[in-house]
Amino acid sequence: MTVKGECPKCGKRVLHVNVEQIVGMVGGESKARCISFSCIHCHAVLGVQLDARAKPRPRRKATPAA
């Protein structure tokens, strides 16, 4: 059984979505790798979630001011 929804913006049936990797920001700092799902017709964002399969981002060490 397939679930066939409609895009809330354009009203067309959503059978496929565009998937993009994005970076989640908290207080202006990147915190996590995420995935964005958008409508293939009007490109409205349908959802965003944490990317559980992404490799952890390496933490940079603070560089002393010169």
PDB file of N, CA and C in Angstrom:
ATOM      1  N   MET A   1       0.841  -1.172   0.000  1.00  0.00           N
ATOM      2  CA  MET A   1       0.000   0.000   0.000  1.00  0.00           C
ATOM      3  C   MET A   1       0.888   1.238   0.000  1.00  0.00           C
ATOM      4  N   THR A   2       0.622   2.166  -0.878  1.00  0.00           N
ATOM      5  CA  THR A   2       1.409   3.382  -0.945  1.00  0.00           C
ATOM      6  C   THR A   2       0.595   4.554  -0.423  1.00  0.00           C
ATOM      7  N   VAL A   3       1.270   5.465   0.222  1.00  0.00           N
ATOM      8  CA  VAL A   3       0.626   6.667   0.724  1.00  0.00           C
ATOM      9  C   VAL A   3       0.895   7.766  -0.287  1.00  0.00           C
ATOM     10  N   LYS A   4      -0.153   8.367  -0.798  1.00  0.00           N
ATOM     11  CA  LYS A   4      -0.009   9.407  -1.812  1.00  0.00           C
ATOM     12  C   LYS A   4      -0.549  10.712  -1.255  1.00  0.00           C
ATOM     13  N   GLY A   5       0.352  11.626  -0.938  1.00  0.00           N
ATOM     14  CA  GLY A   5      -0.054  12.903  -0.367  1.00  0.00           C
ATOM     15  C   GLY A   5       0.014  14.003  -1.394  1.00  0.00           C
ATOM     16  N   GLU A   6      -0.365  15.185  -0.951  1.00  0.00           N
ATOM     17  CA  GLU A   6      -0.323  16.364  -1.803  1.00  0.00           C
ATOM     18  C   GLU A   6       0.622  17.384  -1.205  1.00  0.00           C
ATOM     19  N   CYS A   7       1.276  18.136  -2.071  1.00  0.00           N
ATOM     20  CA  CYS A   7       2.144  19.222  -1.626  1.00  0.00           C
ATOM     21  C   CYS A   7       1.258  20.313  -1.035  1.00  0.00           C
ATOM     22  N   PRO A   8       1.580  20.823   0.149  1.00  0.00           N
ATOM     23  CA  PRO A   8       0.757  21.880   0.739  1.00  0.00           C
ATOM     24  C   PRO A   8       0.833  23.211  -0.014  1.00  0.00           C
ATOM     25  N   LYS A   9       1.857  23.395  -0.833  1.00  0.00           N
ATOM     26  CA  LYS A   9       1.994  24.656  -1.560  1.00  0.00           C
ATOM     27  C   LYS A   9       1.319  24.614  -2.922  1.00  0.00           C
ATOM     28  N   CYS A  10       1.658  23.609  -3.758  1.00  0.00           N
ATOM     29  CA  CYS A  10       1.131  23.586  -5.126  1.00  0.00           C
ATOM     30  C   CYS A  10      -0.063  22.650  -5.297  1.00  0.00           C
ATOM     31  N   GLY A  11      -0.297  21.760  -4.337  1.00  0.00           N
ATOM     32  CA  GLY A  11      -1.451  20.871  -4.398  1.00  0.00           C
ATOM     33  C   GLY A  11      -1.283  19.660  -5.294  1.00  0.00           C
ATOM     34  N   LYS A  12      -0.114  19.497  -5.915  1.00  0.00           N
ATOM     35  CA  LYS A  12       0.117  18.337  -6.775  1.00  0.00           C
ATOM     36  C   LYS A  12       0.483  17.127  -5.927  1.00  0.00           C
ATOM     37  N   ARG A  13       0.229  15.934  -6.468  1.00  0.00           N
ATOM     38  CA  ARG A  13       0.563  14.707  -5.750  1.00  0.00           C
ATOM     39  C   ARG A  13       2.073  14.578  -5.597  1.00  0.00           C
ATOM     40  N   VAL A  14       2.495  14.166  -4.418  1.00  0.00           N
ATOM     41  CA  VAL A  14       3.921  13.988  -4.134  1.00  0.00           C
ATOM     42  C   VAL A  14       4.223  12.500  -4.179  1.00  0.00           C
ATOM     43  N   LEU A  15       4.760  12.060  -5.306  1.00  0.00           N
ATOM     44  CA  LEU A  15       5.167  10.670  -5.461  1.00  0.00           C
ATOM     45  C   LEU A  15       6.680  10.530  -5.354  1.00  0.00           C
ATOM     46  N   HIS A  16       7.394  11.628  -5.578  1.00  0.00           N
ATOM     47  CA  HIS A  16       8.851  11.668  -5.486  1.00  0.00           C
ATOM     48  C   HIS A  16       9.229  12.986  -4.823  1.00  0.00           C
ATOM     49  N   VAL A  17      10.386  13.011  -4.189  1.00  0.00           N
ATOM     50  CA  VAL A  17      10.886  14.243  -3.568  1.00  0.00           C
ATOM     51  C   VAL A  17      12.339  14.458  -3.956  1.00  0.00           C
ATOM     52  N   ASN A  18      12.773  15.710  -3.906  1.00  0.00           N
ATOM     53  CA  ASN A  18      14.193  16.041  -4.035  1.00  0.00           C
ATOM     54  C   ASN A  18      14.806  15.884  -2.651  1.00  0.00           C
ATOM     55  N   VAL A  19      15.982  15.272  -2.575  1.00  0.00           N
ATOM     56  CA  VAL A  19      16.675  15.072  -1.305  1.00  0.00           C
ATOM     57  C   VAL A  19      18.008  15.798  -1.381  1.00  0.00           C
ATOM     58  N   GLU A  20      18.287  16.636  -0.365  1.00  0.00           N
ATOM     59  CA  GLU A  20      19.539  17.390  -0.322  1.00  0.00           C
ATOM     60  C   GLU A  20      20.188  17.224   1.046  1.00  0.00           C
ATOM     61  N   GLN A  21      21.505  17.260   1.080  1.00  0.00           N
ATOM     62  CA  GLN A  21      22.224  17.297   2.351  1.00  0.00           C
ATOM     63  C   GLN A  21      22.394  18.757   2.734  1.00  0.00           C
ATOM     64  N   ILE A  22      22.075  19.083   3.987  1.00  0.00           N
ATOM     65  CA  ILE A  22      22.213  20.444   4.483  1.00  0.00           C
ATOM     66  C   ILE A  22      22.868  20.393   5.859  1.00  0.00           C
ATOM     67  N   VAL A  23      23.236  21.552   6.383  1.00  0.00           N
ATOM     68  CA  VAL A  23      23.861  21.635   7.701  1.00  0.00           C
ATOM     69  C   VAL A  23      22.892  22.343   8.639  1.00  0.00           C
ATOM     70  N   GLY A  24      22.607  21.714   9.777  1.00  0.00           N
ATOM     71  CA  GLY A  24      21.744  22.319  10.787  1.00  0.00           C
ATOM     72  C   GLY A  24      22.523  23.347  11.593  1.00  0.00           C
ATOM     73  N   MET A  25      21.914  24.504  11.819  1.00  0.00           N
ATOM     74  CA  MET A  25      22.581  25.593  12.529  1.00  0.00           C
ATOM     75  C   MET A  25      21.872  25.871  13.851  1.00  0.00           C
ATOM     76  N   VAL A  26      22.656  26.116  14.895  1.00  0.00           N
ATOM     77  CA  VAL A  26      22.134  26.515  16.198  1.00  0.00           C
ATOM     78  C   VAL A  26      22.942  27.716  16.649  1.00  0.00           C
ATOM     79  N   GLY A  27      22.278  28.847  16.809  1.00  0.00           N
ATOM     80  CA  GLY A  27      22.972  30.057  17.261  1.00  0.00           C
ATOM     81  C   GLY A  27      24.069  30.501  16.314  1.00  0.00           C
ATOM     82  N   GLY A  28      23.915  30.271  15.021  1.00  0.00           N
ATOM     83  CA  GLY A  28      24.904  30.688  14.039  1.00  0.00           C
ATOM     84  C   GLY A  28      26.059  29.720  13.848  1.00  0.00           C
ATOM     85  N   GLU A  29      26.062  28.611  14.579  1.00  0.00           N
ATOM     86  CA  GLU A  29      27.124  27.617  14.454  1.00  0.00           C
ATOM     87  C   GLU A  29      26.558  26.330  13.874  1.00  0.00           C
ATOM     88  N   SER A  30      27.330  25.702  12.971  1.00  0.00           N
ATOM     89  CA  SER A  30      26.873  24.435  12.400  1.00  0.00           C
ATOM     90  C   SER A  30      26.966  23.350  13.459  1.00  0.00           C
ATOM     91  N   LYS A  31      25.893  22.589  13.596  1.00  0.00           N
ATOM     92  CA  LYS A  31      25.833  21.584  14.656  1.00  0.00           C
ATOM     93  C   LYS A  31      25.640  20.163  14.145  1.00  0.00           C
ATOM     94  N   ALA A  32      24.920  19.975  13.033  1.00  0.00           N
ATOM     95  CA  ALA A  32      24.631  18.609  12.602  1.00  0.00           C
ATOM     96  C   ALA A  32      24.384  18.567  11.099  1.00  0.00           C
ATOM     97  N   ARG A  33      24.667  17.423  10.525  1.00  0.00           N
ATOM     98  CA  ARG A  33      24.337  17.212   9.122  1.00  0.00           C
ATOM     99  C   ARG A  33      22.897  16.737   9.045  1.00  0.00           C
ATOM    100  N   CYS A  34      22.145  17.292   8.118  1.00  0.00           N
ATOM    101  CA  CYS A  34      20.716  17.012   8.002  1.00  0.00           C
ATOM    102  C   CYS A  34      20.361  16.670   6.552  1.00  0.00           C
ATOM    103  N   ILE A  35      19.117  16.231   6.360  1.00  0.00           N
ATOM    104  CA  ILE A  35      18.580  15.945   5.031  1.00  0.00           C
ATOM    105  C   ILE A  35      17.312  16.774   4.864  1.00  0.00           C
ATOM    106  N   SER A  36      17.172  17.401   3.707  1.00  0.00           N
ATOM    107  CA  SER A  36      15.989  18.191   3.382  1.00  0.00           C
ATOM    108  C   SER A  36      15.211  17.496   2.273  1.00  0.00           C
ATOM    109  N   PHE A  37      13.891  17.431   2.416  1.00  0.00           N
ATOM    110  CA  PHE A  37      13.018  16.846   1.411  1.00  0.00           C
ATOM    111  C   PHE A  37      12.155  17.955   0.828  1.00  0.00           C
ATOM    112  N   SER A  38      12.129  18.088  -0.517  1.00  0.00           N
ATOM    113  CA  SER A  38      11.330  19.140  -1.135  1.00  0.00           C
ATOM    114  C   SER A  38      10.532  18.610  -2.315  1.00  0.00           C
ATOM    115  N   CYS A  39       9.452  19.321  -2.639  1.00  0.00           N
ATOM    116  CA  CYS A  39       8.548  18.962  -3.735  1.00  0.00           C
ATOM    117  C   CYS A  39       9.288  19.083  -5.072  1.00  0.00           C
ATOM    118  N   ILE A  40       9.113  18.099  -5.966  1.00  0.00           N
ATOM    119  CA  ILE A  40       9.795  18.162  -7.261  1.00  0.00           C
ATOM    120  C   ILE A  40       9.128  19.155  -8.205  1.00  0.00           C
ATOM    121  N   HIS A  41       7.904  19.570  -7.887  1.00  0.00           N
ATOM    122  CA  HIS A  41       7.174  20.490  -8.762  1.00  0.00           C
ATOM    123  C   HIS A  41       7.456  21.956  -8.430  1.00  0.00           C
ATOM    124  N   CYS A  42       7.316  22.325  -7.151  1.00  0.00           N
ATOM    125  CA  CYS A  42       7.456  23.736  -6.770  1.00  0.00           C
ATOM    126  C   CYS A  42       8.643  23.996  -5.841  1.00  0.00           C
ATOM    127  N   HIS A  43       9.354  22.952  -5.436  1.00  0.00           N
ATOM    128  CA  HIS A  43      10.545  23.030  -4.580  1.00  0.00           C
ATOM    129  C   HIS A  43      10.255  23.512  -3.158  1.00  0.00           C
ATOM    130  N   ALA A  44       9.006  23.414  -2.712  1.00  0.00           N
ATOM    131  CA  ALA A  44       8.671  23.753  -1.330  1.00  0.00           C
ATOM    132  C   ALA A  44       9.275  22.689  -0.407  1.00  0.00           C
ATOM    133  N   VAL A  45       9.819  23.119   0.722  1.00  0.00           N
ATOM    134  CA  VAL A  45      10.411  22.178   1.679  1.00  0.00           C
ATOM    135  C   VAL A  45       9.282  21.435   2.387  1.00  0.00           C
ATOM    136  N   LEU A  46       9.334  20.112   2.315  1.00  0.00           N
ATOM    137  CA  LEU A  46       8.318  19.274   2.943  1.00  0.00           C
ATOM    138  C   LEU A  46       8.765  18.758   4.299  1.00  0.00           C
ATOM    139  N   GLY A  47      10.075  18.691   4.522  1.00  0.00           N
ATOM    140  CA  GLY A  47      10.568  18.222   5.805  1.00  0.00           C
ATOM    141  C   GLY A  47      12.078  18.248   5.875  1.00  0.00           C
ATOM    142  N   VAL A  48      12.582  18.255   7.100  1.00  0.00           N
ATOM    143  CA  VAL A  48      14.017  18.221   7.365  1.00  0.00           C
ATOM    144  C   VAL A  48      14.233  17.279   8.546  1.00  0.00           C
ATOM    145  N   GLN A  49      15.279  16.485   8.490  1.00  0.00           N
ATOM    146  CA  GLN A  49      15.597  15.606   9.615  1.00  0.00           C
ATOM    147  C   GLN A  49      17.096  15.418   9.709  1.00  0.00           C
ATOM    148  N   LEU A  50      17.555  14.963  10.860  1.00  0.00           N
ATOM    149  CA  LEU A  50      18.972  14.666  11.052  1.00  0.00           C
ATOM    150  C   LEU A  50      19.360  13.492  10.171  1.00  0.00           C
ATOM    151  N   ASP A  51      20.538  13.554   9.605  1.00  0.00           N
ATOM    152  CA  ASP A  51      21.040  12.476   8.763  1.00  0.00           C
ATOM    153  C   ASP A  51      21.755  11.466   9.648  1.00  0.00           C
ATOM    154  N   ALA A  52      21.080  10.367   9.939  1.00  0.00           N
ATOM    155  CA  ALA A  52      21.642   9.362  10.832  1.00  0.00           C
ATOM    156  C   ALA A  52      22.813   8.616  10.206  1.00  0.00           C
ATOM    157  N   ARG A  53      22.917   8.644   8.893  1.00  0.00           N
ATOM    158  CA  ARG A  53      23.992   7.921   8.211  1.00  0.00           C
ATOM    159  C   ARG A  53      25.232   8.767   7.971  1.00  0.00           C
ATOM    160  N   ALA A  54      25.158  10.062   8.233  1.00  0.00           N
ATOM    161  CA  ALA A  54      26.299  10.950   7.986  1.00  0.00           C
ATOM    162  C   ALA A  54      27.411  10.683   8.982  1.00  0.00           C
ATOM    163  N   LYS A  55      28.635  10.844   8.526  1.00  0.00           N
ATOM    164  CA  LYS A  55      29.787  10.707   9.417  1.00  0.00           C
ATOM    165  C   LYS A  55      29.837  11.925  10.334  1.00  0.00           C
ATOM    166  N   PRO A  56      30.268  11.756  11.562  1.00  0.00           N
ATOM    167  CA  PRO A  56      30.379  12.905  12.473  1.00  0.00           C
ATOM    168  C   PRO A  56      31.342  13.947  11.909  1.00  0.00           C
ATOM    169  N   ARG A  57      30.985  15.205  12.116  1.00  0.00           N
ATOM    170  CA  ARG A  57      31.849  16.296  11.661  1.00  0.00           C
ATOM    171  C   ARG A  57      33.038  16.429  12.606  1.00  0.00           C
ATOM    172  N   PRO A  58      34.262  16.570  12.072  1.00  0.00           N
ATOM    173  CA  PRO A  58      35.423  16.736  12.953  1.00  0.00           C
ATOM    174  C   PRO A  58      35.355  18.093  13.665  1.00  0.00           C
ATOM    175  N   ARG A  59      35.719  18.101  14.926  1.00  0.00           N
ATOM    176  CA  ARG A  59      35.748  19.335  15.710  1.00  0.00           C
ATOM    177  C   ARG A  59      37.073  20.037  15.464  1.00  0.00           C
ATOM    178  N   ARG A  60      36.998  21.311  15.179  1.00  0.00           N
ATOM    179  CA  ARG A  60      38.226  22.086  14.978  1.00  0.00           C
ATOM    180  C   ARG A  60      38.725  22.603  16.303  1.00  0.00           C
ATOM    181  N   LYS A  61      40.039  22.633  16.455  1.00  0.00           N
ATOM    182  CA  LYS A  61      40.643  23.180  17.656  1.00  0.00           C
ATOM    183  C   LYS A  61      40.712  24.692  17.505  1.00  0.00           C
ATOM    184  N   ALA A  62      40.498  25.396  18.587  1.00  0.00           N
ATOM    185  CA  ALA A  62      40.566  26.851  18.564  1.00  0.00           C
ATOM    186  C   ALA A  62      42.004  27.274  18.265  1.00  0.00           C
ATOM    187  N   THR A  63      42.148  28.236  17.356  1.00  0.00           N
ATOM    188  CA  THR A  63      43.483  28.751  17.050  1.00  0.00           C
ATOM    189  C   THR A  63      43.732  29.999  17.873  1.00  0.00           C
ATOM    190  N   PRO A  64      44.889  30.107  18.474  1.00  0.00           N
ATOM    191  CA  PRO A  64      45.185  31.289  19.296  1.00  0.00           C
ATOM    192  C   PRO A  64      45.281  32.536  18.427  1.00  0.00           C
ATOM    193  N   ALA A  65      44.780  33.649  18.951  1.00  0.00           N
ATOM    194  CA  ALA A  65      44.842  34.921  18.214  1.00  0.00           C
ATOM    195  C   ALA A  65      46.277  35.407  18.148  1.00  0.00           C
ATOM    196  N   ALA A  66      46.634  35.944  16.992  1.00  0.00           N
ATOM    197  CA  ALA A  66      48.030  36.394  16.810  1.00  0.00           C
ATOM    198  C   ALA A  66      48.264  37.762  17.353  1.00  0.00           C
TER     199      ALA A  66
END
